[in-house]
C-alpha atoms as a PDB file:
ATOM      1  CA  MET A   1       7.437  17.339  32.564  1.00  0.00           C
ATOM      2  CA  VAL A   2      10.458  17.010  30.349  1.00  0.00           C
ATOM      3  CA  ILE A   3       9.254  13.730  28.994  1.00  0.00           C
ATOM      4  CA  ASN A   4       5.782  15.294  28.110  1.00  0.00           C
ATOM      5  CA  MET A   5       7.503  18.136  26.353  1.00  0.00           C
ATOM      6  CA  ARG A   6       9.601  15.755  24.303  1.00  0.00           C
ATOM      7  CA  LYS A   7       6.579  13.629  23.429  1.00  0.00           C
ATOM      8  CA  THR A   8       4.619  16.683  22.167  1.00  0.00           C
ATOM      9  CA  LYS A   9       7.640  17.904  20.045  1.00  0.00           C
ATOM     10  CA  PHE A  10       8.042  14.370  18.711  1.00  0.00           C
ATOM     11  CA  LYS A  11       4.219  14.233  17.925  1.00  0.00           C
ATOM     12  CA  LYS A  12       4.495  17.580  16.240  1.00  0.00           C
ATOM     13  CA  LYS A  13       7.408  16.452  14.099  1.00  0.00           C
ATOM     14  CA  ILE A  14       5.605  13.344  13.035  1.00  0.00           C
ATOM     15  CA  LYS A  15       2.588  15.456  12.105  1.00  0.00           C
ATOM     16  CA  LYS A  16       4.663  17.636   9.945  1.00  0.00           C
ATOM     17  CA  ILE A  17       6.336  14.590   8.208  1.00  0.00           C
ATOM     18  CA  GLU A  18       2.968  12.996   7.629  1.00  0.00           C
ATOM     19  CA  GLN A  19       1.672  16.230   6.075  1.00  0.00           C
ATOM     20  CA  LYS A  20       4.604  16.520   3.802  1.00  0.00           C
ATOM     21  CA  ILE A  21       4.203  12.900   2.700  1.00  0.00           C
ATOM     22  CA  CYS A  22       0.550  13.324   2.065  1.00  0.00           C
ATOM     23  CA  GLU A  23       1.136  16.531   0.190  1.00  0.00           C
ATOM     24  CA  LYS A  24       3.744  14.867  -2.083  1.00  0.00           C
ATOM     25  CA  PHE A  25       1.465  11.962  -2.726  1.00  0.00           C
ATOM     26  CA  ILE A  26      -1.384  14.035  -3.631  1.00  0.00           C
ATOM     27  CA  LYS A  27       0.784  16.157  -5.942  1.00  0.00           C
ATOM     28  CA  GLU A  28       2.095  12.927  -7.696  1.00  0.00           C
ATOM     29  CA  GLU A  29      -1.464  11.515  -7.962  1.00  0.00           C
ATOM     30  CA  GLN A  30      -2.840  14.647  -9.413  1.00  0.00           C
ATOM     31  CA  LEU A  31       0.054  14.822 -11.864  1.00  0.00           C
ATOM     32  CA  LEU A  32      -0.526  11.294 -12.955  1.00  0.00           C
ATOM     33  CA  PHE A  33      -4.349  11.706 -13.456  1.00  0.00           C
ATOM     34  CA  ARG A  34      -3.723  15.058 -15.101  1.00  0.00           C
ATOM     35  CA  ARG A  35      -1.408  13.400 -17.674  1.00  0.00           C
ATOM     36  CA  MET A  36      -3.861  10.476 -18.147  1.00  0.00           C
ATOM     37  CA  ARG A  37      -6.694  12.893 -18.843  1.00  0.00           C
ATOM     38  CA  TYR A  38      -4.942  14.377 -21.791  1.00  0.00           C
ATOM     39  CA  LEU A  39      -4.222  11.000 -23.485  1.00  0.00           C
ATOM     40  CA  LYS A  40      -6.566   9.753 -26.126  1.00  0.00           C
ATOM     41  CA  LYS A  41      -9.066   7.039 -25.095  1.00  0.00           C
ATOM     42  CA  HIS A  42      -7.164   4.300 -26.816  1.00  0.00           C
ATOM     43  CA  HIS A  43      -3.861   5.361 -25.172  1.00  0.00           C
ATOM     44  CA  GLN A  44      -5.543   5.348 -21.819  1.00  0.00           C
ATOM     45  CA  ALA A  45      -6.763   1.766 -22.533  1.00  0.00           C
ATOM     46  CA  TRP A  46      -3.221   0.709 -23.414  1.00  0.00           C
ATOM     47  CA  PHE A  47      -1.821   2.392 -20.442  1.00  0.00           C
ATOM     48  CA  ALA A  48      -4.359   0.579 -18.159  1.00  0.00           C
ATOM     49  CA  LEU A  49      -3.526  -2.736 -19.747  1.00  0.00           C
ATOM     50  CA  ILE A  50       0.201  -2.364 -19.251  1.00  0.00           C
ATOM     51  CA  ILE A  51      -0.375  -1.399 -15.553  1.00  0.00           C
ATOM     52  CA  SER A  52      -2.822  -4.370 -15.227  1.00  0.00           C
ATOM     53  CA  LEU A  53      -0.174  -6.777 -16.747  1.00  0.00           C
ATOM     54  CA  GLY A  54       2.479  -5.480 -14.440  1.00  0.00           C
ATOM     55  CA  LEU A  55       0.296  -5.980 -11.418  1.00  0.00           C
ATOM     56  CA  ILE A  56      -0.614  -9.553 -12.546  1.00  0.00           C
ATOM     57  CA  PHE A  57       3.149 -10.527 -12.996  1.00  0.00           C
ATOM     58  CA  VAL A  58       4.069  -9.150  -9.622  1.00  0.00           C
ATOM     59  CA  TRP A  59       1.212 -11.020  -8.086  1.00  0.00           C
ATOM     60  CA  ARG A  60       2.244 -14.219  -9.895  1.00  0.00           C
ATOM     61  CA  GLY A  61       5.883 -13.922  -8.866  1.00  0.00           C
ATOM     62  CA  LEU A  62       4.974 -13.341  -5.170  1.00  0.00           C
ATOM     63  CA  TRP A  63       2.503 -16.308  -5.280  1.00  0.00           C
ATOM     64  CA  ASN A  64       5.166 -18.628  -6.546  1.00  0.00           C
ATOM     65  CA  LEU A  65       7.767 -17.457  -3.994  1.00  0.00           C
ATOM     66  CA  ILE A  66       5.272 -17.949  -1.242  1.00  0.00           C
ATOM     67  CA  ASP A  67       4.333 -21.415  -2.622  1.00  0.00           C
ATOM     68  CA  HIS A  68       8.081 -22.240  -2.683  1.00  0.00           C
ATOM     69  CA  TYR A  69       9.103 -20.958   0.716  1.00  0.00           C
ATOM     70  CA  TRP A  70       6.058 -20.835   2.945  1.00  0.00           C
ATOM     71  CA  PHE A  71       5.564 -24.343   4.341  1.00  0.00           C
ATOM     72  CA  PRO A  72       6.197 -26.040   0.938  1.00  0.00           C
ATOM     73  CA  ASP A  73       5.543 -29.584   2.070  1.00  0.00           C
ATOM     74  CA  GLN A  74       2.434 -28.861   4.252  1.00  0.00           C
ATOM     75  CA  LEU A  75      -0.347 -27.568   2.034  1.00  0.00           C
ATOM     76  CA  PHE A  76      -2.989 -27.207   4.768  1.00  0.00           C
ATOM     77  CA  LEU A  77      -0.702 -25.228   7.039  1.00  0.00           C
ATOM     78  CA  SER A  78       0.516 -23.005   4.195  1.00  0.00           C
ATOM     79  CA  ASN A  79      -3.022 -22.175   3.116  1.00  0.00           C
ATOM     80  CA  ALA A  80      -4.381 -21.763   6.645  1.00  0.00           C
ATOM     81  CA  SER A  81      -1.583 -19.453   7.822  1.00  0.00           C
ATOM     82  CA  GLY A  82      -1.807 -17.569   4.494  1.00  0.00           C
ATOM     83  CA  VAL A  83      -5.439 -16.707   5.281  1.00  0.00           C
ATOM     84  CA  VAL A  84      -4.567 -15.579   8.811  1.00  0.00           C
ATOM     85  CA  VAL A  85      -1.628 -13.399   7.662  1.00  0.00           C
ATOM     86  CA  GLY A  86      -3.876 -11.969   4.992  1.00  0.00           C
ATOM     87  CA  VAL A  87      -6.577 -11.112   7.376  1.00  0.00           C
ATOM     88  CA  VAL A  88      -4.128  -9.562   9.791  1.00  0.00           C
ATOM     89  CA  VAL A  89      -2.561  -7.417   7.087  1.00  0.00           C
ATOM     90  CA  LEU A  90      -6.040  -6.258   5.910  1.00  0.00           C
ATOM     91  CA  TYR A  91      -7.066  -5.361   9.459  1.00  0.00           C
ATOM     92  CA  LEU A  92      -3.835  -3.474  10.133  1.00  0.00           C
ATOM     93  CA  ALA A  93      -4.323  -1.533   6.773  1.00  0.00           C
ATOM     94  CA  HIS A  94      -7.759  -0.736   7.748  1.00  0.00           C
ATOM     95  CA  LYS A  95      -6.654   0.618  11.190  1.00  0.00           C
ATOM     96  CA  LEU A  96      -3.856   2.591   9.523  1.00  0.00           C
ATOM     97  CA  LEU A  97      -6.252   4.187   7.062  1.00  0.00           C
ATOM     98  CA  ASN A  98      -8.627   5.019   9.918  1.00  0.00           C
ATOM     99  CA  LEU A  99      -5.647   6.530  11.827  1.00  0.00           C
ATOM    100  CA  LEU A 100      -4.488   8.640   8.814  1.00  0.00           C
ATOM    101  CA  THR A 101      -7.882   9.851   7.903  1.00  0.00           C
ATOM    102  CA  GLY A 102      -9.029  10.598  11.420  1.00  0.00           C
ATOM    103  CA  ASP A 103     -12.192   8.472  11.179  1.00  0.00           C
END
């Protein structure tokens, strides 16, 4: 009985934390898009270009680190395990999204 009460209290606390995180994320997202809306079109294009370049450089850096440290002498094992890890990460992200949205 005591354990069930603790579990329900713990679940309630987690729900409250999740709600606060979601609210903060939504507020930040709305703020960003609200600011973007008031920029002129050419400024929006430059902003999108800068973000895209930043993402490309992060991707390139991660790719090079993985090539250097993830089975560097075994090309097939590196690529095959990379595909498996990528599929697992995508699957877990999908499950987490379903859990958070209630679908």
